[in-house]
């Protein structure tokens, strides 16, 4: 089951359950669409994978399966990320 983290790892923007802005990688690294599109260029700074829109958990299941309250806030170090970005940004995420 997805952890459904509450905010963007880079800018700490709130990403509630119903957000259309939440994006995740295969390891559930969570970023907002703006950061994915304009800073990360669809390259996860943690694993090098790509991002997909995070699904919404049905409201009727939230009591039994609550969202995570674990905030992961670690802004991207652009200097460290640059090498990974150059390596993967022009490669389809399914072929990385």
C-alpha atoms as a PDB file:
ATOM      1  CA  UNK A   1       0.000   0.000   0.000  1.00  0.00           C
ATOM      2  CA  UNK A   2       1.292   3.460  -0.873  1.00  0.00           C
ATOM      3  CA  UNK A   3       2.585   5.553   1.986  1.00  0.00           C
ATOM      4  CA  UNK A   4       0.935   8.740   0.617  1.00  0.00           C
ATOM      5  CA  UNK A   5       3.400  11.287   2.007  1.00  0.00           C
ATOM      6  CA  UNK A   6       1.958  14.704   2.845  1.00  0.00           C
ATOM      7  CA  UNK A   7       4.352  17.067   1.038  1.00  0.00           C
ATOM      8  CA  UNK A   8       6.945  17.624  -1.676  1.00  0.00           C
ATOM      9  CA  UNK A   9      10.423  16.460  -0.686  1.00  0.00           C
ATOM     10  CA  UNK A  10      12.010  19.452  -2.427  1.00  0.00           C
ATOM     11  CA  UNK A  11       9.843  22.494  -1.663  1.00  0.00           C
ATOM     12  CA  UNK A  12       7.656  21.089   1.150  1.00  0.00           C
ATOM     13  CA  UNK A  13       4.453  22.098  -0.684  1.00  0.00           C
ATOM     14  CA  UNK A  14       1.456  20.339   0.916  1.00  0.00           C
ATOM     15  CA  UNK A  15       0.215  17.409  -1.170  1.00  0.00           C
ATOM     16  CA  UNK A  16      -3.037  16.253   0.412  1.00  0.00           C
ATOM     17  CA  UNK A  17      -4.825  13.107  -0.685  1.00  0.00           C
ATOM     18  CA  UNK A  18      -6.935  14.884  -3.295  1.00  0.00           C
ATOM     19  CA  UNK A  19      -3.987  16.792  -4.833  1.00  0.00           C
ATOM     20  CA  UNK A  20      -3.541  16.649  -8.604  1.00  0.00           C
ATOM     21  CA  UNK A  21       0.017  17.910  -8.060  1.00  0.00           C
ATOM     22  CA  UNK A  22       1.492  14.852  -6.285  1.00  0.00           C
ATOM     23  CA  UNK A  23       4.013  12.799  -8.251  1.00  0.00           C
ATOM     24  CA  UNK A  24       5.827   9.643  -7.090  1.00  0.00           C
ATOM     25  CA  UNK A  25       8.654   7.437  -8.303  1.00  0.00           C
ATOM     26  CA  UNK A  26       8.770   3.673  -7.937  1.00  0.00           C
ATOM     27  CA  UNK A  27      10.187   4.026  -4.407  1.00  0.00           C
ATOM     28  CA  UNK A  28       7.431   6.496  -3.422  1.00  0.00           C
ATOM     29  CA  UNK A  29       9.717   9.510  -3.406  1.00  0.00           C
ATOM     30  CA  UNK A  30       7.129  12.285  -3.486  1.00  0.00           C
ATOM     31  CA  UNK A  31       7.437  15.621  -5.266  1.00  0.00           C
ATOM     32  CA  UNK A  32       5.022  18.232  -6.579  1.00  0.00           C
ATOM     33  CA  UNK A  33       4.414  18.485 -10.314  1.00  0.00           C
ATOM     34  CA  UNK A  34       6.111  21.884 -10.496  1.00  0.00           C
ATOM     35  CA  UNK A  35       9.375  20.512  -9.043  1.00  0.00           C
ATOM     36  CA  UNK A  36       9.204  17.391 -11.244  1.00  0.00           C
ATOM     37  CA  UNK A  37       8.679  19.442 -14.406  1.00  0.00           C
ATOM     38  CA  UNK A  38      10.879  22.492 -13.766  1.00  0.00           C
ATOM     39  CA  UNK A  39      13.685  21.354 -11.483  1.00  0.00           C
ATOM     40  CA  UNK A  40      13.965  17.563 -11.728  1.00  0.00           C
ATOM     41  CA  UNK A  41      12.960  17.146 -15.393  1.00  0.00           C
ATOM     42  CA  UNK A  42      11.324  13.810 -14.534  1.00  0.00           C
ATOM     43  CA  UNK A  43      14.497  12.391 -12.925  1.00  0.00           C
ATOM     44  CA  UNK A  44      14.172  11.324  -9.293  1.00  0.00           C
ATOM     45  CA  UNK A  45      17.153  12.766  -7.383  1.00  0.00           C
ATOM     46  CA  UNK A  46      17.121   9.763  -5.047  1.00  0.00           C
ATOM     47  CA  UNK A  47      17.006   6.822  -7.468  1.00  0.00           C
ATOM     48  CA  UNK A  48      17.219   8.198 -11.030  1.00  0.00           C
ATOM     49  CA  UNK A  49      13.778   6.877 -11.928  1.00  0.00           C
ATOM     50  CA  UNK A  50      10.875   8.736 -13.480  1.00  0.00           C
ATOM     51  CA  UNK A  51       7.655   9.991 -11.935  1.00  0.00           C
ATOM     52  CA  UNK A  52       3.969   9.174 -12.292  1.00  0.00           C
ATOM     53  CA  UNK A  53       0.915  10.922 -10.901  1.00  0.00           C
ATOM     54  CA  UNK A  54       0.194   9.672  -7.396  1.00  0.00           C
ATOM     55  CA  UNK A  55      -3.248   8.098  -7.106  1.00  0.00           C
ATOM     56  CA  UNK A  56      -5.871   9.331  -4.657  1.00  0.00           C
ATOM     57  CA  UNK A  57      -6.912   7.069  -1.817  1.00  0.00           C
ATOM     58  CA  UNK A  58     -10.720   6.672  -1.741  1.00  0.00           C
ATOM     59  CA  UNK A  59     -12.216   8.738   1.070  1.00  0.00           C
ATOM     60  CA  UNK A  60     -14.121   5.736   2.425  1.00  0.00           C
ATOM     61  CA  UNK A  61     -10.850   3.919   3.148  1.00  0.00           C
ATOM     62  CA  UNK A  62      -8.972   6.714   4.931  1.00  0.00           C
ATOM     63  CA  UNK A  63     -10.031   5.686   8.421  1.00  0.00           C
ATOM     64  CA  UNK A  64      -8.819   2.120   7.932  1.00  0.00           C
ATOM     65  CA  UNK A  65      -5.804   3.129   5.801  1.00  0.00           C
ATOM     66  CA  UNK A  66      -4.740   6.615   6.910  1.00  0.00           C
ATOM     67  CA  UNK A  67      -2.322   8.775   4.974  1.00  0.00           C
ATOM     68  CA  UNK A  68       1.238   9.074   6.193  1.00  0.00           C
ATOM     69  CA  UNK A  69       2.161  11.965   8.439  1.00  0.00           C
ATOM     70  CA  UNK A  70       5.864  11.360   7.713  1.00  0.00           C
ATOM     71  CA  UNK A  71       7.308  14.485   6.123  1.00  0.00           C
ATOM     72  CA  UNK A  72      10.430  13.919   4.040  1.00  0.00           C
ATOM     73  CA  UNK A  73      11.935  17.339   3.401  1.00  0.00           C
ATOM     74  CA  UNK A  74      15.345  17.310   1.796  1.00  0.00           C
ATOM     75  CA  UNK A  75      15.680  19.998  -0.863  1.00  0.00           C
ATOM     76  CA  UNK A  76      17.618  18.911  -3.913  1.00  0.00           C
ATOM     77  CA  UNK A  77      21.271  19.930  -3.945  1.00  0.00           C
ATOM     78  CA  UNK A  78      21.412  21.159  -7.528  1.00  0.00           C
ATOM     79  CA  UNK A  79      25.187  20.695  -7.791  1.00  0.00           C
ATOM     80  CA  UNK A  80      25.028  17.044  -6.698  1.00  0.00           C
ATOM     81  CA  UNK A  81      21.915  16.400  -8.794  1.00  0.00           C
ATOM     82  CA  UNK A  82      23.389  17.828 -12.017  1.00  0.00           C
ATOM     83  CA  UNK A  83      25.415  14.683 -12.850  1.00  0.00           C
ATOM     84  CA  UNK A  84      22.414  12.384 -12.352  1.00  0.00           C
ATOM     85  CA  UNK A  85      20.213  14.754 -14.341  1.00  0.00           C
ATOM     86  CA  UNK A  86      22.614  14.835 -17.295  1.00  0.00           C
ATOM     87  CA  UNK A  87      22.901  11.048 -17.223  1.00  0.00           C
ATOM     88  CA  UNK A  88      19.154  10.332 -17.306  1.00  0.00           C
ATOM     89  CA  UNK A  89      17.088  13.317 -18.485  1.00  0.00           C
ATOM     90  CA  UNK A  90      17.097  12.293 -22.165  1.00  0.00           C
ATOM     91  CA  UNK A  91      16.433   8.580 -21.492  1.00  0.00           C
ATOM     92  CA  UNK A  92      12.896   7.259 -21.187  1.00  0.00           C
ATOM     93  CA  UNK A  93      12.352   6.299 -17.507  1.00  0.00           C
ATOM     94  CA  UNK A  94      11.454   2.735 -18.525  1.00  0.00           C
ATOM     95  CA  UNK A  95      14.899   2.338 -20.101  1.00  0.00           C
ATOM     96  CA  UNK A  96      17.079   3.853 -17.364  1.00  0.00           C
END
